[in-house]
N, C-alpha and C. Protein backbone atom coordinates (compact mmCIF):
# COMPACT_ATOMS: atom_id res chain seq x y z
N MET A 1 -28.04 -8.48 -12.36
CA MET A 1 -27.14 -7.38 -12.60
C MET A 1 -25.72 -7.94 -12.73
N ASN A 2 -24.98 -7.43 -13.68
CA ASN A 2 -23.59 -7.82 -13.89
C ASN A 2 -22.69 -6.92 -13.05
N PHE A 3 -21.90 -7.52 -12.17
CA PHE A 3 -20.99 -6.75 -11.32
C PHE A 3 -19.56 -6.86 -11.85
N ILE A 4 -18.90 -5.72 -11.91
CA ILE A 4 -17.49 -5.64 -12.26
C ILE A 4 -16.78 -5.18 -10.99
N TYR A 5 -15.79 -5.96 -10.56
CA TYR A 5 -15.07 -5.65 -9.32
C TYR A 5 -13.65 -5.21 -9.64
N TYR A 6 -13.19 -4.18 -8.93
CA TYR A 6 -11.81 -3.72 -9.10
C TYR A 6 -11.16 -3.64 -7.73
N PRO A 7 -9.99 -4.19 -7.54
CA PRO A 7 -9.12 -4.82 -8.53
C PRO A 7 -9.52 -6.26 -8.87
N SER A 8 -10.24 -6.93 -7.95
CA SER A 8 -10.74 -8.27 -8.25
C SER A 8 -11.95 -8.52 -7.36
N GLU A 9 -12.77 -9.49 -7.76
CA GLU A 9 -13.94 -9.83 -6.96
C GLU A 9 -13.53 -10.28 -5.56
N LYS A 10 -12.52 -11.11 -5.48
CA LYS A 10 -12.06 -11.62 -4.19
C LYS A 10 -11.62 -10.47 -3.28
N GLU A 11 -10.85 -9.55 -3.82
CA GLU A 11 -10.35 -8.44 -3.01
C GLU A 11 -11.47 -7.52 -2.55
N VAL A 12 -12.42 -7.23 -3.42
CA VAL A 12 -13.53 -6.36 -3.05
C VAL A 12 -14.41 -7.02 -2.00
N LYS A 13 -14.74 -8.27 -2.21
CA LYS A 13 -15.65 -8.95 -1.29
C LYS A 13 -15.07 -9.14 0.12
N GLN A 14 -13.77 -9.07 0.26
CA GLN A 14 -13.20 -9.19 1.60
C GLN A 14 -13.57 -8.00 2.47
N TYR A 15 -13.98 -6.90 1.86
CA TYR A 15 -14.37 -5.70 2.60
C TYR A 15 -15.86 -5.67 2.94
N PHE A 16 -16.65 -6.54 2.34
CA PHE A 16 -18.09 -6.53 2.57
C PHE A 16 -18.39 -6.71 4.06
N GLY A 17 -19.30 -5.89 4.55
CA GLY A 17 -19.71 -5.97 5.95
C GLY A 17 -18.76 -5.28 6.91
N SER A 18 -17.69 -4.70 6.41
CA SER A 18 -16.73 -4.02 7.27
C SER A 18 -16.99 -2.51 7.23
N ASP A 19 -16.13 -1.78 7.92
CA ASP A 19 -16.22 -0.32 7.91
C ASP A 19 -15.56 0.29 6.68
N GLU A 20 -14.98 -0.54 5.85
CA GLU A 20 -14.29 -0.04 4.65
C GLU A 20 -15.28 0.67 3.73
N VAL A 21 -14.86 1.83 3.22
CA VAL A 21 -15.70 2.59 2.30
C VAL A 21 -15.51 2.03 0.90
N LEU A 22 -16.63 1.73 0.26
CA LEU A 22 -16.63 1.21 -1.11
C LEU A 22 -17.28 2.23 -2.03
N MET A 23 -16.91 2.16 -3.29
CA MET A 23 -17.51 3.03 -4.30
C MET A 23 -18.19 2.15 -5.34
N MET A 24 -19.32 2.63 -5.83
CA MET A 24 -20.05 1.86 -6.83
C MET A 24 -20.64 2.81 -7.87
N LEU A 25 -20.62 2.36 -9.09
CA LEU A 25 -21.32 3.00 -10.19
C LEU A 25 -22.35 2.01 -10.69
N VAL A 26 -23.58 2.47 -10.89
CA VAL A 26 -24.64 1.60 -11.41
C VAL A 26 -25.13 2.23 -12.70
N SER A 27 -25.11 1.46 -13.78
CA SER A 27 -25.54 2.00 -15.07
C SER A 27 -27.01 2.39 -15.02
N PHE A 28 -27.35 3.42 -15.78
CA PHE A 28 -28.72 3.92 -15.79
C PHE A 28 -29.73 2.84 -16.17
N ASP A 29 -29.32 1.85 -16.96
CA ASP A 29 -30.25 0.79 -17.33
C ASP A 29 -30.35 -0.29 -16.25
N GLY A 30 -29.56 -0.16 -15.19
CA GLY A 30 -29.62 -1.10 -14.09
C GLY A 30 -29.02 -2.46 -14.38
N GLU A 31 -28.27 -2.58 -15.48
CA GLU A 31 -27.73 -3.88 -15.85
C GLU A 31 -26.31 -4.13 -15.37
N THR A 32 -25.55 -3.05 -15.09
CA THR A 32 -24.14 -3.19 -14.73
C THR A 32 -23.81 -2.33 -13.53
N ALA A 33 -22.96 -2.86 -12.66
CA ALA A 33 -22.45 -2.10 -11.53
C ALA A 33 -20.95 -2.35 -11.41
N VAL A 34 -20.21 -1.28 -11.08
CA VAL A 34 -18.77 -1.36 -10.90
C VAL A 34 -18.51 -1.06 -9.43
N VAL A 35 -17.80 -1.96 -8.74
CA VAL A 35 -17.58 -1.83 -7.30
C VAL A 35 -16.08 -1.91 -7.00
N ALA A 36 -15.62 -1.01 -6.12
CA ALA A 36 -14.21 -1.01 -5.72
C ALA A 36 -14.06 -0.36 -4.35
N PRO A 37 -13.01 -0.75 -3.61
CA PRO A 37 -12.71 -0.03 -2.37
C PRO A 37 -12.29 1.40 -2.72
N SER A 38 -12.71 2.37 -1.92
CA SER A 38 -12.38 3.76 -2.24
C SER A 38 -10.88 4.00 -2.23
N ALA A 39 -10.15 3.27 -1.43
CA ALA A 39 -8.69 3.43 -1.38
C ALA A 39 -8.03 3.03 -2.70
N GLU A 40 -8.68 2.17 -3.46
CA GLU A 40 -8.13 1.71 -4.74
C GLU A 40 -8.45 2.66 -5.89
N THR A 41 -9.51 3.43 -5.75
CA THR A 41 -9.99 4.17 -6.91
C THR A 41 -10.12 5.67 -6.69
N VAL A 42 -10.42 6.12 -5.51
CA VAL A 42 -10.51 7.52 -5.08
C VAL A 42 -11.68 8.28 -5.68
N GLU A 43 -11.87 8.25 -6.98
CA GLU A 43 -12.96 8.97 -7.65
C GLU A 43 -13.70 8.03 -8.60
N HIS A 44 -14.96 8.35 -8.86
CA HIS A 44 -15.76 7.52 -9.77
C HIS A 44 -15.21 7.54 -11.20
N HIS A 45 -14.70 8.68 -11.65
CA HIS A 45 -14.11 8.75 -13.00
C HIS A 45 -12.96 7.75 -13.12
N THR A 46 -12.12 7.75 -12.12
CA THR A 46 -10.97 6.85 -12.10
C THR A 46 -11.43 5.40 -12.07
N GLN A 47 -12.46 5.15 -11.31
CA GLN A 47 -12.99 3.79 -11.19
C GLN A 47 -13.41 3.24 -12.55
N LEU A 48 -14.07 4.07 -13.34
CA LEU A 48 -14.46 3.63 -14.69
C LEU A 48 -13.23 3.28 -15.52
N ALA A 49 -12.25 4.17 -15.52
CA ALA A 49 -11.04 3.96 -16.32
C ALA A 49 -10.32 2.68 -15.89
N GLN A 50 -10.31 2.40 -14.60
CA GLN A 50 -9.60 1.23 -14.10
C GLN A 50 -10.22 -0.08 -14.58
N VAL A 51 -11.48 -0.06 -14.96
CA VAL A 51 -12.11 -1.29 -15.46
C VAL A 51 -12.30 -1.25 -16.98
N GLY A 52 -11.68 -0.26 -17.63
CA GLY A 52 -11.69 -0.21 -19.08
C GLY A 52 -12.89 0.51 -19.70
N ILE A 53 -13.58 1.31 -18.91
CA ILE A 53 -14.70 2.11 -19.43
C ILE A 53 -14.23 3.56 -19.52
N ARG A 54 -14.52 4.20 -20.63
CA ARG A 54 -14.09 5.59 -20.81
C ARG A 54 -14.65 6.48 -19.70
N GLU A 55 -13.78 7.31 -19.15
CA GLU A 55 -14.18 8.24 -18.08
C GLU A 55 -15.30 9.18 -18.52
N THR A 56 -15.35 9.46 -19.79
CA THR A 56 -16.38 10.37 -20.32
C THR A 56 -17.78 9.77 -20.24
N GLU A 57 -17.88 8.49 -19.94
CA GLU A 57 -19.18 7.84 -19.80
C GLU A 57 -19.75 7.95 -18.39
N ILE A 58 -19.15 8.79 -17.56
CA ILE A 58 -19.59 8.96 -16.18
C ILE A 58 -21.06 9.35 -16.10
N ASP A 59 -21.54 10.10 -17.07
CA ASP A 59 -22.94 10.54 -17.05
C ASP A 59 -23.92 9.45 -17.49
N GLN A 60 -23.46 8.21 -17.53
CA GLN A 60 -24.33 7.07 -17.82
C GLN A 60 -24.50 6.19 -16.57
N TYR A 61 -24.02 6.71 -15.43
CA TYR A 61 -24.01 5.92 -14.19
C TYR A 61 -24.49 6.72 -12.99
N PHE A 62 -25.19 6.04 -12.09
CA PHE A 62 -25.48 6.57 -10.77
C PHE A 62 -24.23 6.33 -9.93
N ARG A 63 -23.85 7.29 -9.11
CA ARG A 63 -22.60 7.21 -8.34
C ARG A 63 -22.90 7.11 -6.84
N ILE A 64 -22.29 6.12 -6.20
CA ILE A 64 -22.56 5.85 -4.79
C ILE A 64 -21.26 5.58 -4.05
N VAL A 65 -21.21 6.05 -2.80
CA VAL A 65 -20.13 5.72 -1.87
C VAL A 65 -20.83 5.11 -0.66
N PHE A 66 -20.37 3.92 -0.22
CA PHE A 66 -21.09 3.26 0.87
C PHE A 66 -20.17 2.47 1.79
N ASP A 67 -20.70 2.17 2.96
CA ASP A 67 -20.05 1.27 3.90
C ASP A 67 -21.15 0.40 4.51
N ASN A 68 -20.88 -0.21 5.64
CA ASN A 68 -21.87 -1.13 6.18
C ASN A 68 -23.03 -0.43 6.89
N THR A 69 -23.03 0.89 6.94
CA THR A 69 -24.11 1.60 7.63
C THR A 69 -25.01 2.41 6.70
N ALA A 70 -24.46 2.96 5.61
CA ALA A 70 -25.27 3.80 4.72
C ALA A 70 -24.58 3.99 3.37
N ALA A 71 -25.37 4.43 2.41
CA ALA A 71 -24.86 4.73 1.07
C ALA A 71 -25.18 6.18 0.75
N ASP A 72 -24.18 6.92 0.32
CA ASP A 72 -24.37 8.30 -0.10
C ASP A 72 -24.38 8.35 -1.63
N TRP A 73 -25.42 8.95 -2.16
CA TRP A 73 -25.63 9.04 -3.60
C TRP A 73 -25.19 10.42 -4.08
N THR A 74 -24.23 10.44 -5.01
CA THR A 74 -23.81 11.68 -5.64
C THR A 74 -24.90 12.02 -6.66
N PHE A 75 -25.84 12.84 -6.22
CA PHE A 75 -27.05 13.11 -7.00
C PHE A 75 -26.79 14.21 -8.02
N VAL A 76 -26.34 13.81 -9.20
CA VAL A 76 -26.06 14.75 -10.29
C VAL A 76 -26.81 14.24 -11.52
N CYS A 77 -27.88 14.92 -11.87
CA CYS A 77 -28.72 14.51 -12.99
C CYS A 77 -28.24 15.18 -14.28
N PRO A 78 -27.77 14.40 -15.24
CA PRO A 78 -27.32 14.98 -16.51
C PRO A 78 -28.48 15.66 -17.26
N GLN A 79 -28.18 16.73 -17.94
CA GLN A 79 -29.21 17.45 -18.71
C GLN A 79 -29.81 16.59 -19.80
N THR A 80 -29.11 15.55 -20.22
CA THR A 80 -29.59 14.69 -21.30
C THR A 80 -30.30 13.45 -20.79
N TYR A 81 -30.53 13.36 -19.47
CA TYR A 81 -31.09 12.14 -18.89
C TYR A 81 -32.41 11.75 -19.56
N ARG A 82 -32.40 10.56 -20.16
CA ARG A 82 -33.56 9.95 -20.83
C ARG A 82 -34.24 10.87 -21.84
N GLY A 83 -33.54 11.90 -22.30
CA GLY A 83 -34.09 12.80 -23.31
C GLY A 83 -35.23 13.67 -22.79
N ILE A 84 -35.37 13.78 -21.48
CA ILE A 84 -36.45 14.57 -20.89
C ILE A 84 -36.01 16.03 -20.82
N THR A 85 -36.73 16.89 -21.51
CA THR A 85 -36.34 18.29 -21.58
C THR A 85 -36.81 19.12 -20.40
N ASP A 86 -37.94 18.78 -19.81
CA ASP A 86 -38.45 19.50 -18.64
C ASP A 86 -37.59 19.15 -17.42
N LYS A 87 -36.93 20.16 -16.84
CA LYS A 87 -35.98 19.92 -15.76
C LYS A 87 -36.60 19.24 -14.54
N GLN A 88 -37.77 19.67 -14.13
CA GLN A 88 -38.42 19.07 -12.97
C GLN A 88 -38.75 17.59 -13.22
N LYS A 89 -39.30 17.30 -14.37
CA LYS A 89 -39.64 15.92 -14.71
C LYS A 89 -38.39 15.06 -14.84
N ARG A 90 -37.34 15.64 -15.43
CA ARG A 90 -36.09 14.90 -15.61
C ARG A 90 -35.49 14.52 -14.25
N ILE A 91 -35.44 15.46 -13.33
CA ILE A 91 -34.88 15.19 -12.01
C ILE A 91 -35.74 14.18 -11.25
N ALA A 92 -37.06 14.29 -11.40
CA ALA A 92 -37.96 13.33 -10.73
C ALA A 92 -37.73 11.92 -11.26
N GLU A 93 -37.57 11.76 -12.55
CA GLU A 93 -37.33 10.43 -13.14
C GLU A 93 -35.95 9.90 -12.73
N PHE A 94 -34.97 10.79 -12.71
CA PHE A 94 -33.62 10.42 -12.29
C PHE A 94 -33.67 9.88 -10.86
N TYR A 95 -34.40 10.56 -10.00
CA TYR A 95 -34.54 10.13 -8.61
C TYR A 95 -35.19 8.75 -8.52
N LYS A 96 -36.32 8.58 -9.20
CA LYS A 96 -37.03 7.29 -9.13
C LYS A 96 -36.18 6.15 -9.69
N ASP A 97 -35.57 6.38 -10.85
CA ASP A 97 -34.75 5.35 -11.48
C ASP A 97 -33.53 5.03 -10.62
N GLY A 98 -32.89 6.07 -10.11
CA GLY A 98 -31.70 5.88 -9.29
C GLY A 98 -32.00 5.13 -8.02
N PHE A 99 -33.08 5.51 -7.36
CA PHE A 99 -33.43 4.84 -6.12
C PHE A 99 -33.66 3.35 -6.36
N ARG A 100 -34.35 3.04 -7.45
CA ARG A 100 -34.63 1.63 -7.78
C ARG A 100 -33.35 0.87 -8.12
N CYS A 101 -32.54 1.42 -9.03
CA CYS A 101 -31.33 0.71 -9.49
C CYS A 101 -30.28 0.58 -8.39
N ILE A 102 -30.07 1.66 -7.64
CA ILE A 102 -29.07 1.63 -6.58
C ILE A 102 -29.49 0.65 -5.48
N SER A 103 -30.75 0.72 -5.08
CA SER A 103 -31.24 -0.19 -4.04
C SER A 103 -31.11 -1.64 -4.47
N GLN A 104 -31.40 -1.92 -5.73
CA GLN A 104 -31.26 -3.29 -6.24
C GLN A 104 -29.81 -3.74 -6.19
N ALA A 105 -28.90 -2.89 -6.65
CA ALA A 105 -27.48 -3.25 -6.65
C ALA A 105 -26.98 -3.51 -5.23
N LEU A 106 -27.31 -2.61 -4.32
CA LEU A 106 -26.89 -2.79 -2.93
C LEU A 106 -27.44 -4.08 -2.35
N ALA A 107 -28.71 -4.36 -2.61
CA ALA A 107 -29.34 -5.58 -2.09
C ALA A 107 -28.67 -6.82 -2.66
N GLU A 108 -28.34 -6.80 -3.93
CA GLU A 108 -27.67 -7.96 -4.54
C GLU A 108 -26.30 -8.20 -3.93
N LEU A 109 -25.69 -7.14 -3.40
CA LEU A 109 -24.40 -7.28 -2.72
C LEU A 109 -24.57 -7.65 -1.25
N GLY A 110 -25.82 -7.67 -0.78
CA GLY A 110 -26.09 -8.01 0.61
C GLY A 110 -26.12 -6.81 1.53
N TYR A 111 -26.22 -5.62 0.96
CA TYR A 111 -26.27 -4.38 1.75
C TYR A 111 -27.71 -3.87 1.79
N PHE A 112 -28.31 -3.95 2.94
CA PHE A 112 -29.66 -3.43 3.15
C PHE A 112 -29.51 -2.23 4.08
N ILE A 113 -29.06 -1.13 3.49
CA ILE A 113 -28.68 0.05 4.25
C ILE A 113 -29.42 1.28 3.74
N GLU A 114 -29.35 2.33 4.52
CA GLU A 114 -29.99 3.59 4.17
C GLU A 114 -29.33 4.20 2.94
N LEU A 115 -30.13 4.71 2.02
CA LEU A 115 -29.64 5.42 0.85
C LEU A 115 -29.87 6.90 1.09
N ARG A 116 -28.79 7.67 1.16
CA ARG A 116 -28.87 9.09 1.49
C ARG A 116 -28.39 9.95 0.32
N ILE A 117 -28.96 11.13 0.26
CA ILE A 117 -28.48 12.14 -0.69
C ILE A 117 -27.90 13.27 0.17
N PRO A 118 -26.58 13.47 0.11
CA PRO A 118 -25.95 14.51 0.93
C PRO A 118 -26.54 15.90 0.66
N LYS A 119 -26.47 16.76 1.66
CA LYS A 119 -27.06 18.10 1.58
C LYS A 119 -26.61 18.88 0.36
N ARG A 120 -25.36 18.72 -0.03
CA ARG A 120 -24.86 19.51 -1.16
C ARG A 120 -25.59 19.22 -2.47
N TYR A 121 -26.32 18.11 -2.53
CA TYR A 121 -27.07 17.77 -3.73
C TYR A 121 -28.56 18.04 -3.59
N ARG A 122 -28.99 18.57 -2.47
CA ARG A 122 -30.41 18.78 -2.21
C ARG A 122 -31.03 19.90 -3.04
N ARG A 123 -30.22 20.76 -3.62
CA ARG A 123 -30.78 21.85 -4.42
C ARG A 123 -31.62 21.31 -5.58
N HIS A 124 -31.32 20.11 -6.01
CA HIS A 124 -32.10 19.49 -7.08
C HIS A 124 -33.56 19.29 -6.65
N PHE A 125 -33.76 19.03 -5.37
CA PHE A 125 -35.12 18.85 -4.87
C PHE A 125 -35.87 20.17 -4.82
N ASP A 126 -35.13 21.25 -4.59
CA ASP A 126 -35.76 22.57 -4.66
C ASP A 126 -36.23 22.86 -6.08
N ILE A 127 -35.45 22.43 -7.06
CA ILE A 127 -35.85 22.60 -8.47
C ILE A 127 -37.10 21.77 -8.75
N MET A 128 -37.15 20.54 -8.24
CA MET A 128 -38.32 19.69 -8.47
C MET A 128 -39.58 20.32 -7.87
N ARG A 129 -39.42 20.97 -6.74
CA ARG A 129 -40.56 21.62 -6.10
C ARG A 129 -40.88 22.96 -6.75
N GLY A 130 -40.01 23.42 -7.65
CA GLY A 130 -40.24 24.68 -8.33
C GLY A 130 -39.84 25.90 -7.54
N SER A 131 -39.01 25.72 -6.50
CA SER A 131 -38.65 26.85 -5.67
C SER A 131 -37.31 27.49 -6.07
N LEU A 132 -36.65 26.96 -7.08
CA LEU A 132 -35.43 27.57 -7.61
C LEU A 132 -35.63 27.78 -9.12
N PRO A 133 -35.01 28.82 -9.66
CA PRO A 133 -35.09 29.00 -11.11
C PRO A 133 -34.33 27.92 -11.83
N GLU A 134 -34.79 27.55 -13.01
CA GLU A 134 -34.12 26.53 -13.81
C GLU A 134 -32.91 27.15 -14.45
């Protein structure tokens, strides 16, 4: 995986293993990850722009906020994800792909931590189970 660090690799890596909150974007193809301290970037859109990627490409990345204890995944599945039209299938694939790509990126950085999906994003799982209208 190709890692892009903001503001620099040296500066980002000094926070590894600390309580500092880091932000990461992992491309849907699992080939690229962008990592920055949250204090430097604040939002994932901003993080993309800071490394020269158009903010409008946010829907091509899995979004994560993490520290040395856990990673929170901003679970937002784009309607166009992998061209899958069935909402339940699309969300299921997004989940499987995201879990794999995010876990790989974290492991490559030396983070073997819990991957969590905050409650505010859990409604997607209700859709997968068919308990909410599409």
